[in-house]
Amino acid sequence: MNPAGLPCARELFAQWQRLRGDRTNPAQRPFSRSWEELLEAARIISATERSEAERDAKALEVNGWIQLKPVRYKPHLIDQVIIPLPAEARWQEAFGFSPPSDEEARQIREFAWEPELAFLRQAKINLPLAELCQLNQCLKERPPEIIPIKERSLQIFGDEKRLDMLLSSSLFRPDRLDFKKHLGCEMIGVPLAWKRGPAKAAGQPVIIIENAATWHSYCRWNAERAFFSAVVYGDGNRVVDGVRYLADLFDELHGPRQQPQRSRIVLWRHIVEIGIEVVPDDRHPQARHVQAQLVGLTGQRPQTVQKWDWPQNSSPKKASLCRTML
């Protein structure tokens, strides 16, 4: 089996690459990660996705790619995922990150790179010369427009997934390449599905819900109560990637700036007594991206409220905390 085709394995290797990808001396301890943190980082959220990831992990263990450490006293649950030291070279080969030969290393040092890749003459990059030259050619041609990253990857490498894999490498450290600025491409999130509210709710806020069953129930509830101009399905943490599509939604709702109330966005995560915020706080690495998108739509920075002010006798059951974008 090839781990490059498995979401949980791609995230595991990306984390390994960021930590150990440029090492020149052998590691002394095997690389390990918390299973739950790995799933969260890979945005594997739904029960179906988690079940598939667990099945993939067990298959990887059977084939010698990883070791799984169970939760204490709960052997049916995964606690840690470990890449054994002897398997590291195998992972590098599977993902195309094998160290260049001595001859290739010499050629890399002597090649006439574009200014953005000049650091390759001194850096230790575990990538073949041929791929580096393909990146160099793209930089030389100076792409005139921003396109999805998979399309740019197909143009450069003939493989729509290769550029995604390279993003975890030291090529894209903050002081080196920027895939949008230098390669003219951008990440495209999954579009947000949404249902328009009744006509009399046209001036009301928008609500985003992460659970499919809850979204379905709120759509029916809103059809009767007319409290939201639209009910959006955020599908877990994918709302972070899909927040850009709110601009299209506001266009459909005749724009957010004519009336302040139309600019309000409520993000709801779990239908429980104590809610969990979807939009991360300032400490989260994606917070600035989300906040920048929302500020562009509403003109103001997100604020947190402890309780949404539902109309009298109309609050959905078990609704207590949410986050409001003013």
Protein backbone atom coordinates (compact mmCIF):
# COMPACT_ATOMS: atom_id res chain seq x y z
CA MET A 1 0.00 0.00 0.00
CA ASN A 2 1.05 3.61 -0.58
CA PRO A 3 0.59 5.96 2.41
CA ALA A 4 0.67 8.99 0.11
CA GLY A 5 -2.96 8.28 -0.77
CA LEU A 6 -4.22 8.25 2.84
CA PRO A 7 -5.24 11.53 4.57
CA CYS A 8 -3.99 10.53 8.03
CA ALA A 9 -0.67 9.31 6.59
CA ARG A 10 -0.18 12.51 4.58
CA GLU A 11 -0.62 14.60 7.72
CA LEU A 12 1.70 12.33 9.70
CA PHE A 13 4.42 12.63 7.07
CA ALA A 14 3.90 16.40 6.77
CA GLN A 15 4.56 16.72 10.51
CA TRP A 16 7.58 14.42 10.27
CA GLN A 17 8.89 16.47 7.35
CA ARG A 18 8.58 19.76 9.22
CA LEU A 19 10.45 18.36 12.21
CA ARG A 20 13.01 16.04 10.65
CA GLY A 21 12.99 16.54 6.90
CA ASP A 22 16.27 18.48 6.79
CA ARG A 23 18.23 16.38 9.27
CA THR A 24 21.63 15.22 8.11
CA ASN A 25 22.31 12.97 11.10
CA PRO A 26 20.14 9.96 12.02
CA ALA A 27 17.47 10.44 14.68
CA GLN A 28 17.88 8.62 17.97
CA ARG A 29 14.21 8.27 18.86
CA PRO A 30 11.25 7.32 16.65
CA PHE A 31 8.82 10.04 15.58
CA SER A 32 5.41 9.82 17.28
CA ARG A 33 2.20 11.82 17.40
CA SER A 34 -1.03 11.75 19.38
CA TRP A 35 -3.74 10.06 17.34
CA GLU A 36 -6.42 12.57 18.31
CA GLU A 37 -4.18 15.55 17.55
CA LEU A 38 -3.25 13.97 14.22
CA LEU A 39 -6.91 13.59 13.26
CA GLU A 40 -7.61 17.19 14.26
CA ALA A 41 -4.65 18.49 12.24
CA ALA A 42 -5.80 16.46 9.23
CA ARG A 43 -9.35 17.78 9.72
CA ILE A 44 -10.72 14.27 9.98
CA ILE A 45 -13.87 15.08 11.92
CA SER A 46 -16.93 13.02 11.03
CA ALA A 47 -17.53 9.54 12.40
CA THR A 48 -17.20 8.08 8.91
CA GLU A 49 -13.87 9.81 8.28
CA ARG A 50 -12.53 8.75 11.68
CA SER A 51 -13.54 5.15 11.07
CA GLU A 52 -11.79 5.15 7.70
CA ALA A 53 -8.67 6.73 9.22
CA GLU A 54 -8.55 4.07 11.94
CA ARG A 55 -8.86 1.34 9.32
CA ASP A 56 -6.07 2.93 7.26
CA ALA A 57 -3.82 3.22 10.33
CA LYS A 58 -4.25 -0.45 11.18
CA ALA A 59 -3.48 -1.40 7.58
CA LEU A 60 -0.32 0.75 7.70
CA GLU A 61 0.72 -1.05 10.89
CA VAL A 62 0.19 -4.47 9.33
CA ASN A 63 2.41 -3.43 6.41
CA GLY A 64 5.19 -2.14 8.67
CA TRP A 65 4.79 1.58 8.01
CA ILE A 66 3.84 2.56 11.57
CA GLN A 67 3.32 1.27 15.08
CA LEU A 68 0.13 1.99 17.01
CA LYS A 69 0.15 2.45 20.77
CA PRO A 70 -3.27 1.81 22.38
CA VAL A 71 -4.88 3.83 25.14
CA ARG A 72 -4.11 2.37 28.54
CA TYR A 73 -6.84 -0.07 29.65
CA LYS A 74 -8.66 0.58 26.35
CA PRO A 75 -6.78 -1.50 23.75
CA HIS A 76 -9.43 -0.85 21.09
CA LEU A 77 -8.55 2.89 21.05
CA ILE A 78 -5.44 4.43 19.46
CA ASP A 79 -3.32 6.71 21.65
CA GLN A 80 -0.09 7.27 19.69
CA VAL A 81 1.11 6.75 16.10
CA ILE A 82 4.81 5.97 15.72
CA ILE A 83 7.06 5.92 12.65
CA PRO A 84 9.80 3.36 13.44
CA LEU A 85 13.33 4.59 12.73
CA PRO A 86 14.00 1.89 10.08
CA ALA A 87 10.83 2.98 8.23
CA GLU A 88 11.76 6.67 7.82
CA ALA A 89 13.61 6.12 4.54
CA ARG A 90 10.63 4.15 3.25
CA TRP A 91 8.31 7.06 4.06
CA GLN A 92 10.63 9.52 2.31
CA GLU A 93 10.67 7.36 -0.81
CA ALA A 94 6.88 6.97 -0.83
CA PHE A 95 6.40 10.75 -0.69
CA GLY A 96 9.24 11.57 -3.07
CA PHE A 97 11.57 13.15 -0.52
CA SER A 98 14.63 10.96 -0.97
CA PRO A 99 17.98 12.76 -0.49
CA PRO A 100 19.71 13.65 -3.79
CA SER A 101 22.80 11.76 -4.85
CA ASP A 102 26.24 13.36 -4.42
CA GLU A 103 26.27 14.25 -8.10
CA GLU A 104 22.80 15.82 -7.89
CA ALA A 105 23.85 17.76 -4.79
CA ARG A 106 26.80 19.18 -6.73
CA GLN A 107 24.54 20.16 -9.62
CA ILE A 108 22.10 21.83 -7.23
CA ARG A 109 24.91 23.95 -5.79
CA GLU A 110 26.10 25.01 -9.25
CA PHE A 111 22.75 25.53 -11.01
CA ALA A 112 21.69 29.03 -12.12
CA TRP A 113 18.58 29.32 -9.95
CA GLU A 114 16.03 32.10 -10.09
CA PRO A 115 16.54 34.55 -7.17
CA GLU A 116 13.68 32.97 -5.17
CA LEU A 117 15.50 29.62 -5.20
CA ALA A 118 19.03 30.92 -4.67
CA PHE A 119 18.95 29.48 -1.12
CA LEU A 120 19.21 25.98 -2.64
CA ARG A 121 22.95 26.46 -3.11
CA GLN A 122 23.45 26.32 0.67
CA ALA A 123 20.32 24.55 1.93
CA LYS A 124 19.85 20.85 2.54
CA ILE A 125 16.74 19.92 0.53
CA ASN A 126 15.72 16.28 0.16
CA LEU A 127 14.21 16.69 -3.29
CA PRO A 128 15.39 15.51 -6.70
CA LEU A 129 17.07 17.98 -9.02
CA ALA A 130 14.44 17.39 -11.71
CA GLU A 131 11.60 18.67 -9.48
CA LEU A 132 13.60 21.67 -8.34
CA CYS A 133 14.24 22.55 -11.98
CA GLN A 134 10.50 22.32 -12.70
CA LEU A 135 9.84 24.79 -9.88
CA ASN A 136 12.58 27.04 -11.24
CA GLN A 137 10.97 27.03 -14.68
CA CYS A 138 7.65 28.12 -13.17
CA LEU A 139 9.39 31.00 -11.39
CA LYS A 140 11.12 31.98 -14.61
CA GLU A 141 7.81 32.15 -16.47
CA ARG A 142 6.20 34.35 -13.75
CA PRO A 143 2.58 33.06 -13.77
CA PRO A 144 0.31 36.02 -14.64
CA GLU A 145 -2.76 34.93 -12.66
CA ILE A 146 -3.67 33.19 -9.40
CA ILE A 147 -5.13 29.71 -9.95
CA PRO A 148 -5.99 26.79 -7.62
CA ILE A 149 -2.93 25.03 -6.20
CA LYS A 150 -3.88 21.69 -7.75
CA GLU A 151 -4.03 23.22 -11.22
CA ARG A 152 -0.62 24.87 -10.76
CA SER A 153 0.79 21.59 -9.47
CA LEU A 154 -0.48 19.82 -12.58
CA GLN A 155 1.18 22.46 -14.77
CA ILE A 156 4.51 22.23 -12.96
CA PHE A 157 4.84 18.53 -12.16
CA GLY A 158 2.12 16.75 -14.13
CA ASP A 159 0.75 15.69 -10.73
CA GLU A 160 -2.04 17.68 -9.08
CA LYS A 161 -1.11 16.50 -5.57
CA ARG A 162 2.64 17.08 -5.63
CA LEU A 163 2.62 20.75 -4.69
CA ASP A 164 0.37 20.00 -1.70
CA MET A 165 2.98 17.52 -0.47
CA LEU A 166 5.84 19.97 -0.97
CA LEU A 167 4.16 22.61 1.22
CA SER A 168 5.33 20.70 4.30
CA SER A 169 8.96 20.81 3.15
CA SER A 170 11.55 23.45 4.01
CA LEU A 171 11.10 24.93 0.52
CA PHE A 172 8.13 26.84 1.87
CA ARG A 173 9.55 28.13 5.11
CA PRO A 174 8.49 31.75 5.86
CA ASP A 175 11.78 33.15 4.60
CA ARG A 176 11.75 31.13 1.37
CA LEU A 177 9.04 30.35 -1.19
CA ASP A 178 5.46 31.58 -0.89
CA PHE A 179 3.11 29.52 -3.03
CA LYS A 180 0.74 32.43 -3.71
CA LYS A 181 3.28 35.20 -4.18
CA HIS A 182 5.88 33.23 -6.16
CA LEU A 183 3.95 30.39 -7.81
CA GLY A 184 0.66 32.19 -8.41
CA CYS A 185 -1.65 29.68 -6.75
CA GLU A 186 -3.95 29.43 -3.76
CA MET A 187 -5.73 26.86 -1.61
CA ILE A 188 -9.37 26.37 -2.51
CA GLY A 189 -11.66 25.24 0.31
CA VAL A 190 -14.81 23.19 -0.04
CA PRO A 191 -17.74 25.53 -0.88
CA LEU A 192 -20.27 26.11 1.88
CA ALA A 193 -23.74 24.71 1.25
CA TRP A 194 -26.55 26.97 2.42
CA LYS A 195 -30.31 27.42 2.37
CA ARG A 196 -31.97 30.79 2.06
CA GLY A 197 -34.37 31.80 4.82
CA PRO A 198 -37.93 32.98 4.26
CA ALA A 199 -38.44 36.30 2.46
CA LYS A 200 -39.41 38.07 5.71
CA ALA A 201 -35.98 37.11 7.16
CA ALA A 202 -34.07 38.96 4.41
CA GLY A 203 -32.58 41.50 6.82
CA GLN A 204 -31.63 38.97 9.50
CA PRO A 205 -28.20 37.49 10.40
CA VAL A 206 -26.64 34.39 8.82
CA ILE A 207 -25.99 31.27 10.90
CA ILE A 208 -23.32 28.64 10.12
CA ILE A 209 -23.74 25.14 11.59
CA GLU A 210 -21.13 22.36 11.49
CA ASN A 211 -23.33 19.28 11.99
CA ALA A 212 -25.42 17.98 9.07
CA ALA A 213 -28.31 16.76 11.22
CA THR A 214 -28.40 20.03 13.17
CA TRP A 215 -28.25 22.02 9.93
CA HIS A 216 -31.26 20.09 8.62
CA SER A 217 -33.22 20.76 11.81
CA TYR A 218 -32.34 24.45 11.85
CA CYS A 219 -33.44 24.81 8.22
CA ARG A 220 -36.88 23.49 9.14
CA TRP A 221 -37.00 25.59 12.32
CA ASN A 222 -35.95 28.72 10.44
CA ALA A 223 -38.58 28.16 7.75
CA GLU A 224 -41.19 28.64 10.48
CA ARG A 225 -39.48 31.26 12.67
CA ALA A 226 -37.75 33.33 9.94
CA PHE A 227 -34.89 34.30 12.27
CA PHE A 228 -31.94 33.91 9.82
CA SER A 229 -31.56 35.13 6.26
CA ALA A 230 -29.56 31.96 5.49
CA VAL A 231 -28.62 28.70 7.26
CA VAL A 232 -25.14 27.56 6.17
CA TYR A 233 -23.62 24.10 6.49
CA GLY A 234 -20.03 24.60 7.68
CA ASP A 235 -19.10 20.87 7.81
CA GLY A 236 -16.82 20.93 10.84
CA ASN A 237 -13.52 22.79 10.62
CA ARG A 238 -13.91 23.18 6.85
CA VAL A 239 -15.64 26.47 7.58
CA VAL A 240 -12.12 27.84 8.11
CA ASP A 241 -11.28 27.15 4.46
CA GLY A 242 -14.74 28.01 3.16
CA VAL A 243 -15.11 31.37 4.91
CA ARG A 244 -14.13 33.10 1.67
CA TYR A 245 -17.38 31.90 0.10
CA LEU A 246 -19.41 34.04 2.48
CA ALA A 247 -18.81 36.95 0.09
CA ASP A 248 -20.73 35.04 -2.61
CA LEU A 249 -23.47 34.28 -0.11
CA PHE A 250 -23.82 37.96 0.77
CA ASP A 251 -23.99 38.81 -2.92
CA GLU A 252 -26.94 36.42 -3.23
CA LEU A 253 -28.49 38.11 -0.20
CA HIS A 254 -28.05 41.53 -1.87
CA GLY A 255 -24.79 42.47 -0.10
CA PRO A 256 -23.80 42.95 3.55
CA ARG A 257 -23.25 46.69 3.66
CA GLN A 258 -26.65 48.17 2.95
CA GLN A 259 -27.96 47.28 6.42
CA PRO A 260 -25.69 46.53 9.41
CA GLN A 261 -27.92 43.64 10.52
CA ARG A 262 -27.16 41.77 7.31
CA SER A 263 -23.47 41.74 8.16
CA ARG A 264 -23.98 39.68 11.31
CA ILE A 265 -22.78 36.06 11.21
CA VAL A 266 -23.45 33.50 13.93
CA LEU A 267 -21.18 30.44 13.97
CA TRP A 268 -22.61 27.49 15.86
CA ARG A 269 -20.72 24.28 16.47
CA HIS A 270 -22.41 21.72 18.72
CA ILE A 271 -26.04 21.56 19.83
CA VAL A 272 -25.09 21.05 23.48
CA GLU A 273 -25.54 23.00 26.69
CA ILE A 274 -22.08 24.55 26.39
CA GLY A 275 -21.17 25.42 22.80
CA ILE A 276 -17.72 25.37 21.23
CA GLU A 277 -16.50 28.25 19.08
CA VAL A 278 -15.85 27.42 15.44
CA VAL A 279 -13.77 30.48 14.67
CA PRO A 280 -10.42 30.16 16.50
CA ASP A 281 -9.04 32.79 18.83
CA ASP A 282 -5.92 34.89 18.18
CA ARG A 283 -3.61 32.10 19.34
CA HIS A 284 -4.79 29.72 16.63
CA PRO A 285 -2.57 29.72 13.50
CA GLN A 286 -5.59 30.14 11.21
CA ALA A 287 -7.24 32.88 13.26
CA ARG A 288 -5.78 35.75 11.24
CA HIS A 289 -7.00 34.21 7.98
CA VAL A 290 -10.56 33.80 9.27
CA GLN A 291 -10.67 37.20 10.92
CA ALA A 292 -9.29 38.94 7.83
CA GLN A 293 -12.00 37.36 5.69
CA LEU A 294 -14.74 38.35 8.15
CA VAL A 295 -13.44 41.88 8.60
CA GLY A 296 -13.51 42.23 4.81
CA LEU A 297 -17.17 41.21 4.80
CA THR A 298 -18.48 43.03 7.86
CA GLY A 299 -15.98 45.85 8.30
CA GLN A 300 -15.43 44.99 11.96
CA ARG A 301 -13.36 42.56 14.04
CA PRO A 302 -15.16 39.44 15.42
CA GLN A 303 -16.50 39.70 18.95
CA THR A 304 -17.56 36.92 21.32
CA VAL A 305 -20.87 36.92 23.19
CA GLN A 306 -21.90 34.54 25.95
CA LYS A 307 -25.53 34.17 24.91
CA TRP A 308 -27.33 34.82 21.65
CA ASP A 309 -30.35 37.08 22.05
CA TRP A 310 -33.08 34.86 20.62
CA PRO A 311 -36.58 36.29 20.19
CA GLN A 312 -38.86 35.47 23.12
CA ASN A 313 -40.06 31.82 23.20
CA SER A 314 -38.22 30.97 19.97
CA SER A 315 -34.80 29.68 21.13
CA PRO A 316 -33.95 26.20 19.79
CA LYS A 317 -33.59 23.58 22.51
CA LYS A 318 -30.21 23.21 24.25
CA ALA A 319 -28.89 26.40 22.65
CA SER A 320 -26.72 28.33 25.08
CA LEU A 321 -23.42 29.62 23.66
CA CYS A 322 -22.46 30.81 20.21
CA ARG A 323 -20.12 33.24 18.54
CA THR A 324 -21.38 36.34 16.80
CA MET A 325 -19.56 38.28 14.13
CA LEU A 326 -20.68 41.92 14.27
